[in-house]
Amino acid sequence: MYQKIRGLYAITPDTMDTGHLLAITQQALLGGAQLIQYRNKTANNKLRLEQAQALRSLCWQYSALFIINDHLEIALAVDADGIHLGVYDISVTTARKILGFKKIIGVSCYNRLESALVAEMQQADYVAFGAFFASVTKPKTVIASIDLLCIAKQKLSIPIVAIGGITCTNATTLVHHGCNAVAVSNALFATKNIQSTAKAFSILFCKNENL
């Protein structure tokens, strides 16, 4: 699964409108998003399941990976490609026992390299560091540095996802310093042309391959 964690990793915004959610996610996929993470902190479980099922089908159409944030039971119910875990969620070890080795497990490590090393040891498939820049989605989150990204690239063998306040402009530095994917929400879904913005993010990884 490691080689699949690359490019634009789109994190869906909170919305109660499933039709709207599908429409904007499709625009991100058309623009080249390789991974979609379903994250909805405001919906109830019934709506989360409904939206996750619909997004799962959409991602299948575009051969994109579909990841569920936090909710293991929903990931299992819709046969998602994997789950993303935060600091207060179940452990990687527990998730792996339940999901098996064919599913992706990602872990938020914020600005802590030690957490990433532990996650890799516990057989996580990728780690996420951030926020690298001021984040609209999580304004009070910790800040990660480019130096951390550089050190992590030397220490880890699994993919690294950068997150937090990332735009098409500042993503260039992160891609140049070796992150495998950039996780984006507001800077993608709050734009007037989601497809064009997604394409601009995706092109950064194509350019980096030619450096």
N, C-alpha and C. Protein backbone atom coordinates (compact mmCIF):
# COMPACT_ATOMS: atom_id res chain seq x y z
N MET A 1 0.82 -1.21 0.00
CA MET A 1 0.00 0.00 0.00
C MET A 1 0.86 1.27 0.00
N TYR A 2 2.14 1.15 0.41
CA TYR A 2 2.98 2.34 0.57
C TYR A 2 2.99 3.21 -0.67
N GLN A 3 3.18 2.57 -1.84
CA GLN A 3 3.35 3.33 -3.07
C GLN A 3 2.10 4.10 -3.46
N LYS A 4 0.95 3.75 -2.88
CA LYS A 4 -0.30 4.43 -3.22
C LYS A 4 -0.50 5.72 -2.43
N ILE A 5 0.29 5.93 -1.38
CA ILE A 5 0.13 7.14 -0.57
C ILE A 5 0.97 8.24 -1.20
N ARG A 6 0.41 8.90 -2.19
CA ARG A 6 1.16 9.92 -2.90
C ARG A 6 0.20 10.90 -3.56
N GLY A 7 0.62 12.17 -3.56
CA GLY A 7 -0.15 13.18 -4.28
C GLY A 7 -1.11 13.95 -3.39
N LEU A 8 -2.20 14.38 -3.97
CA LEU A 8 -3.19 15.17 -3.23
C LEU A 8 -4.09 14.26 -2.41
N TYR A 9 -4.15 14.53 -1.12
CA TYR A 9 -4.96 13.77 -0.16
C TYR A 9 -6.04 14.73 0.32
N ALA A 10 -7.22 14.60 -0.24
CA ALA A 10 -8.31 15.54 0.05
C ALA A 10 -9.11 15.10 1.27
N ILE A 11 -9.29 16.02 2.21
CA ILE A 11 -10.07 15.75 3.42
C ILE A 11 -11.39 16.50 3.32
N THR A 12 -12.47 15.75 3.35
CA THR A 12 -13.79 16.36 3.12
C THR A 12 -14.19 17.30 4.25
N PRO A 13 -14.90 18.38 3.92
CA PRO A 13 -15.38 19.31 4.94
C PRO A 13 -16.66 18.81 5.58
N ASP A 14 -16.99 19.34 6.75
CA ASP A 14 -18.25 19.02 7.40
C ASP A 14 -19.42 19.56 6.58
N THR A 15 -20.35 18.69 6.25
CA THR A 15 -21.57 19.14 5.58
C THR A 15 -22.66 18.10 5.80
N MET A 16 -23.87 18.57 5.93
CA MET A 16 -25.01 17.68 6.12
C MET A 16 -25.62 17.30 4.77
N ASP A 17 -25.22 18.00 3.72
CA ASP A 17 -25.78 17.81 2.38
C ASP A 17 -24.95 16.76 1.63
N THR A 18 -25.45 15.55 1.56
CA THR A 18 -24.70 14.46 0.92
C THR A 18 -24.51 14.71 -0.57
N GLY A 19 -25.52 15.26 -1.22
CA GLY A 19 -25.40 15.56 -2.64
C GLY A 19 -24.29 16.55 -2.91
N HIS A 20 -24.22 17.59 -2.09
CA HIS A 20 -23.16 18.60 -2.23
C HIS A 20 -21.79 17.98 -1.96
N LEU A 21 -21.73 17.13 -0.93
CA LEU A 21 -20.46 16.47 -0.59
C LEU A 21 -19.95 15.63 -1.76
N LEU A 22 -20.83 14.90 -2.40
CA LEU A 22 -20.44 14.08 -3.54
C LEU A 22 -19.99 14.94 -4.72
N ALA A 23 -20.69 16.04 -4.93
CA ALA A 23 -20.37 16.91 -6.06
C ALA A 23 -18.98 17.52 -5.91
N ILE A 24 -18.65 18.02 -4.73
CA ILE A 24 -17.36 18.66 -4.55
C ILE A 24 -16.23 17.62 -4.50
N THR A 25 -16.52 16.45 -3.96
CA THR A 25 -15.50 15.40 -3.94
C THR A 25 -15.20 14.91 -5.35
N GLN A 26 -16.22 14.81 -6.17
CA GLN A 26 -16.00 14.42 -7.56
C GLN A 26 -15.11 15.43 -8.28
N GLN A 27 -15.29 16.70 -7.99
CA GLN A 27 -14.44 17.72 -8.60
C GLN A 27 -12.97 17.53 -8.19
N ALA A 28 -12.76 17.19 -6.92
CA ALA A 28 -11.39 16.93 -6.45
C ALA A 28 -10.80 15.71 -7.15
N LEU A 29 -11.60 14.68 -7.33
CA LEU A 29 -11.14 13.47 -8.01
C LEU A 29 -10.83 13.75 -9.48
N LEU A 30 -11.67 14.53 -10.11
CA LEU A 30 -11.43 14.90 -11.51
C LEU A 30 -10.13 15.69 -11.66
N GLY A 31 -9.77 16.43 -10.61
CA GLY A 31 -8.54 17.20 -10.64
C GLY A 31 -7.30 16.39 -10.28
N GLY A 32 -7.50 15.15 -9.90
CA GLY A 32 -6.35 14.29 -9.66
C GLY A 32 -6.11 13.85 -8.23
N ALA A 33 -7.03 14.12 -7.32
CA ALA A 33 -6.85 13.65 -5.94
C ALA A 33 -6.71 12.14 -5.92
N GLN A 34 -5.70 11.66 -5.22
CA GLN A 34 -5.42 10.23 -5.18
C GLN A 34 -6.02 9.54 -3.96
N LEU A 35 -6.26 10.33 -2.92
CA LEU A 35 -6.84 9.81 -1.68
C LEU A 35 -7.93 10.76 -1.21
N ILE A 36 -9.00 10.18 -0.70
CA ILE A 36 -10.08 10.96 -0.10
C ILE A 36 -10.26 10.48 1.34
N GLN A 37 -10.22 11.42 2.27
CA GLN A 37 -10.50 11.07 3.66
C GLN A 37 -11.85 11.68 4.05
N TYR A 38 -12.75 10.80 4.50
CA TYR A 38 -14.04 11.29 4.95
C TYR A 38 -13.94 11.66 6.42
N ARG A 39 -14.17 12.96 6.68
CA ARG A 39 -14.09 13.49 8.04
C ARG A 39 -15.29 14.41 8.24
N ASN A 40 -16.19 14.01 9.13
CA ASN A 40 -17.36 14.84 9.41
C ASN A 40 -17.62 14.81 10.91
N LYS A 41 -17.27 15.89 11.58
CA LYS A 41 -17.39 15.95 13.04
C LYS A 41 -18.78 16.38 13.51
N THR A 42 -19.63 16.81 12.59
CA THR A 42 -20.94 17.34 12.99
C THR A 42 -22.09 16.38 12.71
N ALA A 43 -21.88 15.40 11.86
CA ALA A 43 -22.96 14.48 11.49
C ALA A 43 -23.19 13.42 12.56
N ASN A 44 -24.40 12.86 12.59
CA ASN A 44 -24.66 11.72 13.46
C ASN A 44 -24.20 10.44 12.74
N ASN A 45 -24.25 9.33 13.44
CA ASN A 45 -23.72 8.08 12.88
C ASN A 45 -24.48 7.61 11.65
N LYS A 46 -25.79 7.84 11.64
CA LYS A 46 -26.59 7.43 10.49
C LYS A 46 -26.17 8.19 9.24
N LEU A 47 -25.99 9.50 9.37
CA LEU A 47 -25.58 10.31 8.22
C LEU A 47 -24.14 9.98 7.82
N ARG A 48 -23.28 9.77 8.80
CA ARG A 48 -21.89 9.40 8.48
C ARG A 48 -21.86 8.13 7.64
N LEU A 49 -22.64 7.15 8.02
CA LEU A 49 -22.68 5.89 7.27
C LEU A 49 -23.20 6.12 5.86
N GLU A 50 -24.25 6.90 5.75
CA GLU A 50 -24.83 7.20 4.43
C GLU A 50 -23.80 7.90 3.54
N GLN A 51 -23.15 8.91 4.08
CA GLN A 51 -22.17 9.66 3.29
C GLN A 51 -20.95 8.81 2.95
N ALA A 52 -20.52 8.01 3.91
CA ALA A 52 -19.35 7.16 3.67
C ALA A 52 -19.62 6.13 2.57
N GLN A 53 -20.80 5.56 2.57
CA GLN A 53 -21.16 4.59 1.53
C GLN A 53 -21.16 5.25 0.15
N ALA A 54 -21.72 6.44 0.08
CA ALA A 54 -21.78 7.15 -1.19
C ALA A 54 -20.39 7.55 -1.68
N LEU A 55 -19.57 8.02 -0.77
CA LEU A 55 -18.20 8.40 -1.14
C LEU A 55 -17.37 7.19 -1.54
N ARG A 56 -17.60 6.08 -0.87
CA ARG A 56 -16.87 4.86 -1.22
C ARG A 56 -17.14 4.47 -2.66
N SER A 57 -18.38 4.52 -3.07
CA SER A 57 -18.73 4.18 -4.46
C SER A 57 -18.09 5.16 -5.44
N LEU A 58 -18.09 6.43 -5.07
CA LEU A 58 -17.49 7.45 -5.93
C LEU A 58 -15.98 7.22 -6.09
N CYS A 59 -15.31 6.93 -5.02
CA CYS A 59 -13.86 6.69 -5.08
C CYS A 59 -13.53 5.47 -5.92
N TRP A 60 -14.37 4.45 -5.84
CA TRP A 60 -14.19 3.28 -6.69
C TRP A 60 -14.17 3.68 -8.17
N GLN A 61 -15.07 4.57 -8.54
CA GLN A 61 -15.17 4.98 -9.94
C GLN A 61 -13.89 5.64 -10.44
N TYR A 62 -13.17 6.29 -9.54
CA TYR A 62 -11.98 7.03 -9.94
C TYR A 62 -10.67 6.34 -9.48
N SER A 63 -10.80 5.10 -9.00
CA SER A 63 -9.63 4.32 -8.55
C SER A 63 -8.82 5.08 -7.50
N ALA A 64 -9.53 5.82 -6.65
CA ALA A 64 -8.89 6.57 -5.57
C ALA A 64 -9.07 5.83 -4.26
N LEU A 65 -8.11 6.00 -3.36
CA LEU A 65 -8.21 5.37 -2.04
C LEU A 65 -9.20 6.14 -1.17
N PHE A 66 -9.99 5.41 -0.40
CA PHE A 66 -10.98 6.02 0.47
C PHE A 66 -10.66 5.67 1.92
N ILE A 67 -10.39 6.71 2.71
CA ILE A 67 -9.99 6.56 4.10
C ILE A 67 -11.04 7.20 5.01
N ILE A 68 -11.34 6.52 6.11
CA ILE A 68 -12.28 7.05 7.10
C ILE A 68 -11.49 7.64 8.27
N ASN A 69 -11.87 8.83 8.69
CA ASN A 69 -11.25 9.46 9.85
C ASN A 69 -11.93 8.95 11.12
N ASP A 70 -11.15 8.36 11.99
CA ASP A 70 -11.59 7.99 13.35
C ASP A 70 -12.50 6.77 13.49
N HIS A 71 -13.56 6.68 12.69
CA HIS A 71 -14.65 5.75 12.96
C HIS A 71 -14.40 4.37 12.35
N LEU A 72 -13.84 3.48 13.16
CA LEU A 72 -13.50 2.14 12.70
C LEU A 72 -14.73 1.37 12.24
N GLU A 73 -15.84 1.52 12.96
CA GLU A 73 -17.04 0.77 12.62
C GLU A 73 -17.59 1.16 11.25
N ILE A 74 -17.42 2.43 10.88
CA ILE A 74 -17.87 2.88 9.56
C ILE A 74 -16.91 2.37 8.49
N ALA A 75 -15.63 2.40 8.78
CA ALA A 75 -14.64 1.87 7.83
C ALA A 75 -14.93 0.41 7.50
N LEU A 76 -15.30 -0.35 8.52
CA LEU A 76 -15.63 -1.76 8.32
C LEU A 76 -16.94 -1.91 7.54
N ALA A 77 -17.93 -1.09 7.88
CA ALA A 77 -19.26 -1.22 7.29
C ALA A 77 -19.26 -0.94 5.79
N VAL A 78 -18.43 0.01 5.35
CA VAL A 78 -18.43 0.39 3.94
C VAL A 78 -17.25 -0.21 3.17
N ASP A 79 -16.46 -1.02 3.84
CA ASP A 79 -15.27 -1.62 3.23
C ASP A 79 -14.33 -0.54 2.68
N ALA A 80 -14.05 0.45 3.51
CA ALA A 80 -13.12 1.52 3.13
C ALA A 80 -11.72 0.94 2.95
N ASP A 81 -10.89 1.68 2.25
CA ASP A 81 -9.51 1.23 2.04
C ASP A 81 -8.68 1.33 3.31
N GLY A 82 -9.13 2.13 4.26
CA GLY A 82 -8.39 2.24 5.51
C GLY A 82 -8.97 3.26 6.46
N ILE A 83 -8.20 3.55 7.48
CA ILE A 83 -8.64 4.45 8.55
C ILE A 83 -7.49 5.37 8.92
N HIS A 84 -7.86 6.59 9.34
CA HIS A 84 -6.86 7.52 9.86
C HIS A 84 -7.12 7.74 11.34
N LEU A 85 -6.08 7.56 12.15
CA LEU A 85 -6.21 7.62 13.60
C LEU A 85 -5.56 8.88 14.17
N GLY A 86 -6.24 9.47 15.15
CA GLY A 86 -5.69 10.60 15.88
C GLY A 86 -5.15 10.17 17.22
N VAL A 87 -4.69 11.13 17.99
CA VAL A 87 -4.03 10.84 19.25
C VAL A 87 -4.97 10.19 20.27
N TYR A 88 -6.27 10.46 20.18
CA TYR A 88 -7.21 9.91 21.16
C TYR A 88 -7.99 8.71 20.63
N ASP A 89 -7.63 8.20 19.48
CA ASP A 89 -8.32 7.06 18.90
C ASP A 89 -7.67 5.75 19.35
N ILE A 90 -8.19 4.65 18.85
CA ILE A 90 -7.60 3.36 19.19
C ILE A 90 -6.18 3.27 18.66
N SER A 91 -5.42 2.32 19.20
CA SER A 91 -4.02 2.18 18.80
C SER A 91 -3.90 1.55 17.42
N VAL A 92 -2.75 1.74 16.81
CA VAL A 92 -2.48 1.10 15.52
C VAL A 92 -2.56 -0.42 15.65
N THR A 93 -2.01 -0.92 16.73
CA THR A 93 -2.01 -2.37 16.96
C THR A 93 -3.43 -2.93 17.00
N THR A 94 -4.33 -2.25 17.73
CA THR A 94 -5.71 -2.70 17.81
C THR A 94 -6.41 -2.60 16.46
N ALA A 95 -6.19 -1.50 15.77
CA ALA A 95 -6.80 -1.31 14.45
C ALA A 95 -6.32 -2.38 13.47
N ARG A 96 -5.05 -2.71 13.54
CA ARG A 96 -4.49 -3.70 12.62
C ARG A 96 -5.09 -5.08 12.88
N LYS A 97 -5.29 -5.42 14.14
CA LYS A 97 -5.89 -6.72 14.48
C LYS A 97 -7.30 -6.83 13.91
N ILE A 98 -8.01 -5.72 13.90
CA ILE A 98 -9.40 -5.73 13.42
C ILE A 98 -9.47 -5.65 11.90
N LEU A 99 -8.64 -4.81 11.31
CA LEU A 99 -8.71 -4.56 9.87
C LEU A 99 -7.89 -5.54 9.04
N GLY A 100 -6.86 -6.12 9.64
CA GLY A 100 -5.97 -6.99 8.87
C GLY A 100 -4.92 -6.18 8.13
N PHE A 101 -4.14 -6.87 7.29
CA PHE A 101 -3.00 -6.22 6.64
C PHE A 101 -3.30 -5.72 5.23
N LYS A 102 -4.53 -5.89 4.77
CA LYS A 102 -4.87 -5.40 3.43
C LYS A 102 -5.45 -3.98 3.47
N LYS A 103 -5.65 -3.46 4.67
CA LYS A 103 -6.20 -2.12 4.82
C LYS A 103 -5.11 -1.15 5.26
N ILE A 104 -5.31 0.11 4.90
CA ILE A 104 -4.36 1.17 5.22
C ILE A 104 -4.67 1.76 6.59
N ILE A 105 -3.62 1.97 7.38
CA ILE A 105 -3.77 2.66 8.65
C ILE A 105 -2.80 3.84 8.67
N GLY A 106 -3.36 5.03 8.80
CA GLY A 106 -2.57 6.25 8.91
C GLY A 106 -2.69 6.83 10.30
N VAL A 107 -1.67 7.56 10.73
CA VAL A 107 -1.64 8.08 12.09
C VAL A 107 -1.20 9.54 12.11
N SER A 108 -1.93 10.37 12.84
CA SER A 108 -1.52 11.76 13.06
C SER A 108 -0.43 11.78 14.13
N CYS A 109 0.71 12.36 13.79
CA CYS A 109 1.82 12.44 14.74
C CYS A 109 2.17 13.88 15.09
N TYR A 110 1.44 14.84 14.52
CA TYR A 110 1.56 16.26 14.86
C TYR A 110 2.99 16.72 14.64
N ASN A 111 3.73 17.05 15.68
CA ASN A 111 5.14 17.46 15.51
C ASN A 111 6.07 16.54 16.29
N ARG A 112 5.63 15.29 16.49
CA ARG A 112 6.40 14.36 17.32
C ARG A 112 6.98 13.22 16.49
N LEU A 113 8.27 13.28 16.27
CA LEU A 113 8.96 12.23 15.53
C LEU A 113 8.86 10.89 16.25
N GLU A 114 8.97 10.91 17.58
CA GLU A 114 8.92 9.67 18.35
C GLU A 114 7.60 8.94 18.12
N SER A 115 6.51 9.68 18.03
CA SER A 115 5.21 9.05 17.78
C SER A 115 5.20 8.37 16.41
N ALA A 116 5.86 8.99 15.45
CA ALA A 116 5.92 8.41 14.11
C ALA A 116 6.75 7.13 14.10
N LEU A 117 7.84 7.13 14.84
CA LEU A 117 8.69 5.93 14.92
C LEU A 117 7.93 4.77 15.55
N VAL A 118 7.14 5.09 16.59
CA VAL A 118 6.33 4.06 17.24
C VAL A 118 5.26 3.56 16.28
N ALA A 119 4.62 4.47 15.57
CA ALA A 119 3.57 4.09 14.62
C ALA A 119 4.12 3.16 13.54
N GLU A 120 5.31 3.47 13.04
CA GLU A 120 5.93 2.61 12.03
C GLU A 120 6.23 1.23 12.62
N MET A 121 6.72 1.21 13.83
CA MET A 121 7.02 -0.06 14.50
C MET A 121 5.76 -0.90 14.67
N GLN A 122 4.63 -0.22 14.90
CA GLN A 122 3.35 -0.91 15.07
C GLN A 122 2.68 -1.23 13.75
N GLN A 123 3.38 -0.97 12.65
CA GLN A 123 2.95 -1.34 11.29
C GLN A 123 1.87 -0.42 10.71
N ALA A 124 2.00 0.86 11.03
CA ALA A 124 1.18 1.86 10.33
C ALA A 124 1.66 1.95 8.89
N ASP A 125 0.77 2.37 8.00
CA ASP A 125 1.13 2.48 6.58
C ASP A 125 1.63 3.86 6.20
N TYR A 126 1.25 4.87 6.97
CA TYR A 126 1.78 6.21 6.76
C TYR A 126 1.59 7.01 8.03
N VAL A 127 2.34 8.10 8.14
CA VAL A 127 2.18 9.03 9.26
C VAL A 127 1.92 10.42 8.69
N ALA A 128 1.24 11.23 9.49
CA ALA A 128 0.95 12.61 9.08
C ALA A 128 1.55 13.57 10.11
N PHE A 129 2.29 14.55 9.63
CA PHE A 129 2.84 15.60 10.48
C PHE A 129 2.15 16.92 10.15
N GLY A 130 2.01 17.78 11.15
CA GLY A 130 1.45 19.10 10.93
C GLY A 130 0.85 19.65 12.23
N ALA A 131 0.47 20.90 12.22
CA ALA A 131 0.29 21.72 11.03
C ALA A 131 1.61 22.42 10.66
N PHE A 132 1.90 22.42 9.35
CA PHE A 132 3.10 23.11 8.88
C PHE A 132 2.86 24.61 8.73
N PHE A 133 1.61 25.00 8.55
CA PHE A 133 1.24 26.40 8.43
C PHE A 133 -0.05 26.64 9.22
N ALA A 134 -0.41 27.89 9.41
CA ALA A 134 -1.63 28.22 10.14
C ALA A 134 -2.82 27.56 9.46
N SER A 135 -3.62 26.84 10.25
CA SER A 135 -4.71 26.04 9.70
C SER A 135 -6.07 26.66 10.03
N VAL A 136 -6.92 26.78 9.00
CA VAL A 136 -8.29 27.24 9.20
C VAL A 136 -9.13 26.14 9.84
N THR A 137 -8.89 24.90 9.42
CA THR A 137 -9.66 23.76 9.92
C THR A 137 -9.37 23.49 11.39
N LYS A 138 -8.08 23.59 11.77
CA LYS A 138 -7.68 23.37 13.16
C LYS A 138 -6.77 24.52 13.61
N PRO A 139 -7.36 25.66 13.96
CA PRO A 139 -6.57 26.86 14.27
C PRO A 139 -5.70 26.75 15.51
N LYS A 140 -6.02 25.85 16.43
CA LYS A 140 -5.27 25.76 17.69
C LYS A 140 -4.31 24.58 17.72
N THR A 141 -4.05 23.98 16.57
CA THR A 141 -3.19 22.81 16.53
C THR A 141 -1.71 23.17 16.69
N VAL A 142 -0.88 22.18 16.96
CA VAL A 142 0.56 22.41 17.11
C VAL A 142 1.18 22.67 15.74
N ILE A 143 2.38 23.22 15.76
CA ILE A 143 3.08 23.54 14.52
C ILE A 143 4.26 22.59 14.31
N ALA A 144 4.37 22.08 13.10
CA ALA A 144 5.50 21.23 12.72
C ALA A 144 6.43 22.03 11.81
N SER A 145 7.70 21.64 11.78
CA SER A 145 8.69 22.39 11.01
C SER A 145 9.19 21.60 9.81
N ILE A 146 9.76 22.33 8.86
CA ILE A 146 10.38 21.69 7.70
C ILE A 146 11.54 20.81 8.16
N ASP A 147 12.25 21.23 9.20
CA ASP A 147 13.35 20.42 9.73
C ASP A 147 12.84 19.05 10.18
N LEU A 148 11.67 19.04 10.81
CA LEU A 148 11.09 17.77 11.24
C LEU A 148 10.83 16.87 10.04
N LEU A 149 10.31 17.44 8.98
CA LEU A 149 10.04 16.68 7.76
C LEU A 149 11.33 16.07 7.21
N CYS A 150 12.39 16.85 7.20
CA CYS A 150 13.68 16.38 6.68
C CYS A 150 14.24 15.23 7.52
N ILE A 151 14.16 15.39 8.83
CA ILE A 151 14.66 14.35 9.74
C ILE A 151 13.82 13.09 9.62
N ALA A 152 12.51 13.27 9.54
CA ALA A 152 11.60 12.13 9.43
C ALA A 152 11.86 11.33 8.16
N LYS A 153 12.19 12.01 7.07
CA LYS A 153 12.49 11.32 5.82
C LYS A 153 13.71 10.42 5.98
N GLN A 154 14.63 10.80 6.82
CA GLN A 154 15.83 10.00 7.05
C GLN A 154 15.56 8.82 7.98
N LYS A 155 14.60 8.98 8.89
CA LYS A 155 14.37 7.98 9.92
C LYS A 155 13.29 6.97 9.56
N LEU A 156 12.33 7.38 8.73
CA LEU A 156 11.17 6.53 8.45
C LEU A 156 11.24 5.90 7.06
N SER A 157 10.67 4.73 6.95
CA SER A 157 10.60 4.08 5.64
C SER A 157 9.18 4.11 5.07
N ILE A 158 8.20 4.53 5.88
CA ILE A 158 6.82 4.61 5.39
C ILE A 158 6.53 6.04 4.91
N PRO A 159 5.51 6.22 4.08
CA PRO A 159 5.19 7.55 3.55
C PRO A 159 4.84 8.57 4.62
N ILE A 160 5.13 9.83 4.28
CA ILE A 160 4.84 10.95 5.16
C ILE A 160 3.84 11.88 4.49
N VAL A 161 2.78 12.18 5.20
CA VAL A 161 1.75 13.10 4.72
C VAL A 161 1.90 14.42 5.49
N ALA A 162 1.93 15.52 4.77
CA ALA A 162 1.99 16.84 5.40
C ALA A 162 0.58 17.42 5.45
N ILE A 163 0.26 18.09 6.56
CA ILE A 163 -1.09 18.62 6.74
C ILE A 163 -1.03 19.94 7.49
N GLY A 164 -2.06 20.76 7.30
CA GLY A 164 -2.19 21.98 8.09
C GLY A 164 -1.85 23.25 7.36
N GLY A 165 -2.89 23.98 6.94
CA GLY A 165 -2.69 25.28 6.31
C GLY A 165 -2.00 25.22 4.96
N ILE A 166 -2.07 24.09 4.29
CA ILE A 166 -1.33 23.92 3.03
C ILE A 166 -2.12 24.50 1.86
N THR A 167 -1.42 25.29 1.05
CA THR A 167 -1.97 25.87 -0.16
C THR A 167 -1.11 25.44 -1.35
N CYS A 168 -1.56 25.74 -2.55
CA CYS A 168 -0.76 25.41 -3.73
C CYS A 168 0.59 26.10 -3.70
N THR A 169 0.65 27.26 -3.08
CA THR A 169 1.90 28.02 -3.02
C THR A 169 2.89 27.43 -2.03
N ASN A 170 2.46 27.22 -0.78
CA ASN A 170 3.42 26.73 0.21
C ASN A 170 3.63 25.22 0.14
N ALA A 171 2.79 24.50 -0.59
CA ALA A 171 2.97 23.05 -0.74
C ALA A 171 4.25 22.71 -1.48
N THR A 172 4.70 23.62 -2.32
CA THR A 172 5.90 23.37 -3.11
C THR A 172 7.09 23.04 -2.22
N THR A 173 7.25 23.77 -1.14
CA THR A 173 8.36 23.53 -0.21
C THR A 173 8.25 22.15 0.42
N LEU A 174 7.07 21.76 0.80
CA LEU A 174 6.86 20.46 1.44
C LEU A 174 7.15 19.32 0.48
N VAL A 175 6.68 19.45 -0.74
CA VAL A 175 6.93 18.42 -1.76
C VAL A 175 8.42 18.33 -2.07
N HIS A 176 9.06 19.48 -2.17
CA HIS A 176 10.50 19.52 -2.47
C HIS A 176 11.31 18.85 -1.36
N HIS A 177 10.83 18.95 -0.12
CA HIS A 177 11.55 18.35 1.01
C HIS A 177 11.10 16.91 1.30
N GLY A 178 10.31 16.36 0.41
CA GLY A 178 10.11 14.92 0.46
C GLY A 178 8.82 14.36 1.00
N CYS A 179 7.82 15.20 1.28
CA CYS A 179 6.55 14.60 1.75
C CYS A 179 5.93 13.82 0.58
N ASN A 180 5.30 12.72 0.89
CA ASN A 180 4.72 11.87 -0.14
C ASN A 180 3.34 12.33 -0.58
N ALA A 181 2.66 13.04 0.32
CA ALA A 181 1.32 13.54 0.01
C ALA A 181 1.05 14.79 0.84
N VAL A 182 0.15 15.62 0.34
CA VAL A 182 -0.30 16.78 1.11
C VAL A 182 -1.79 16.63 1.37
N ALA A 183 -2.16 16.73 2.63
CA ALA A 183 -3.57 16.62 3.03
C ALA A 183 -4.16 18.03 3.09
N VAL A 184 -5.23 18.22 2.34
CA VAL A 184 -5.80 19.56 2.18
C VAL A 184 -7.31 19.50 2.31
N SER A 185 -7.87 20.49 3.00
CA SER A 185 -9.32 20.58 3.11
C SER A 185 -9.80 21.95 2.64
N ASN A 186 -9.64 22.96 3.50
CA ASN A 186 -10.17 24.29 3.19
C ASN A 186 -9.58 24.89 1.91
N ALA A 187 -8.27 24.74 1.71
CA ALA A 187 -7.62 25.33 0.54
C ALA A 187 -8.02 24.65 -0.76
N LEU A 188 -8.73 23.56 -0.65
CA LEU A 188 -9.24 22.87 -1.83
C LEU A 188 -10.75 23.09 -1.97
N PHE A 189 -11.49 22.73 -0.94
CA PHE A 189 -12.95 22.73 -1.05
C PHE A 189 -13.59 24.10 -0.89
N ALA A 190 -12.84 25.08 -0.42
CA ALA A 190 -13.38 26.44 -0.29
C ALA A 190 -13.06 27.30 -1.51
N THR A 191 -12.44 26.73 -2.53
CA THR A 191 -12.10 27.48 -3.73
C THR A 191 -13.26 27.48 -4.71
N LYS A 192 -13.24 28.43 -5.64
CA LYS A 192 -14.31 28.54 -6.63
C LYS A 192 -14.25 27.41 -7.65
N ASN A 193 -13.04 26.97 -7.97
CA ASN A 193 -12.88 25.90 -8.96
C ASN A 193 -12.08 24.77 -8.32
N ILE A 194 -12.78 23.84 -7.72
CA ILE A 194 -12.14 22.75 -6.98
C ILE A 194 -11.30 21.88 -7.91
N GLN A 195 -11.82 21.60 -9.09
CA GLN A 195 -11.08 20.73 -10.00
C GLN A 195 -9.74 21.34 -10.41
N SER A 196 -9.74 22.62 -10.73
CA SER A 196 -8.50 23.29 -11.12
C SER A 196 -7.50 23.35 -9.97
N THR A 197 -8.01 23.59 -8.76
CA THR A 197 -7.15 23.64 -7.59
C THR A 197 -6.54 22.27 -7.32
N ALA A 198 -7.35 21.23 -7.43
CA ALA A 198 -6.85 19.87 -7.24
C ALA A 198 -5.77 19.54 -8.27
N LYS A 199 -5.98 19.97 -9.49
CA LYS A 199 -5.00 19.73 -10.54
C LYS A 199 -3.69 20.45 -10.24
N ALA A 200 -3.78 21.67 -9.71
CA ALA A 200 -2.58 22.44 -9.37
C ALA A 200 -1.78 21.74 -8.27
N PHE A 201 -2.46 21.18 -7.28
CA PHE A 201 -1.78 20.42 -6.24
C PHE A 201 -1.13 19.16 -6.83
N SER A 202 -1.88 18.47 -7.67
CA SER A 202 -1.39 17.20 -8.23
C SER A 202 -0.17 17.39 -9.10
N ILE A 203 -0.13 18.49 -9.86
CA ILE A 203 0.99 18.76 -10.75
C ILE A 203 2.29 18.92 -9.97
N LEU A 204 2.22 19.40 -8.74
CA LEU A 204 3.43 19.59 -7.94
C LEU A 204 4.20 18.29 -7.78
N PHE A 205 3.49 17.18 -7.65
CA PHE A 205 4.15 15.89 -7.48
C PHE A 205 4.74 15.39 -8.78
N CYS A 206 4.10 15.70 -9.88
CA CYS A 206 4.66 15.35 -11.20
C CYS A 206 5.96 16.11 -11.44
N LYS A 207 5.97 17.40 -11.07
CA LYS A 207 7.16 18.22 -11.25
C LYS A 207 8.31 17.70 -10.38
N ASN A 208 7.97 17.28 -9.15
CA ASN A 208 9.00 16.84 -8.22
C ASN A 208 9.69 15.56 -8.73
N GLU A 209 8.98 14.73 -9.47
CA GLU A 209 9.56 13.51 -10.01
C GLU A 209 10.62 13.82 -11.05
N ASN A 210 10.54 15.01 -11.64
CA ASN A 210 11.47 15.37 -12.70
C ASN A 210 12.66 16.18 -12.21
N LEU A 211 12.71 16.45 -10.91
CA LEU A 211 13.82 17.25 -10.37
C LEU A 211 15.12 16.46 -10.37
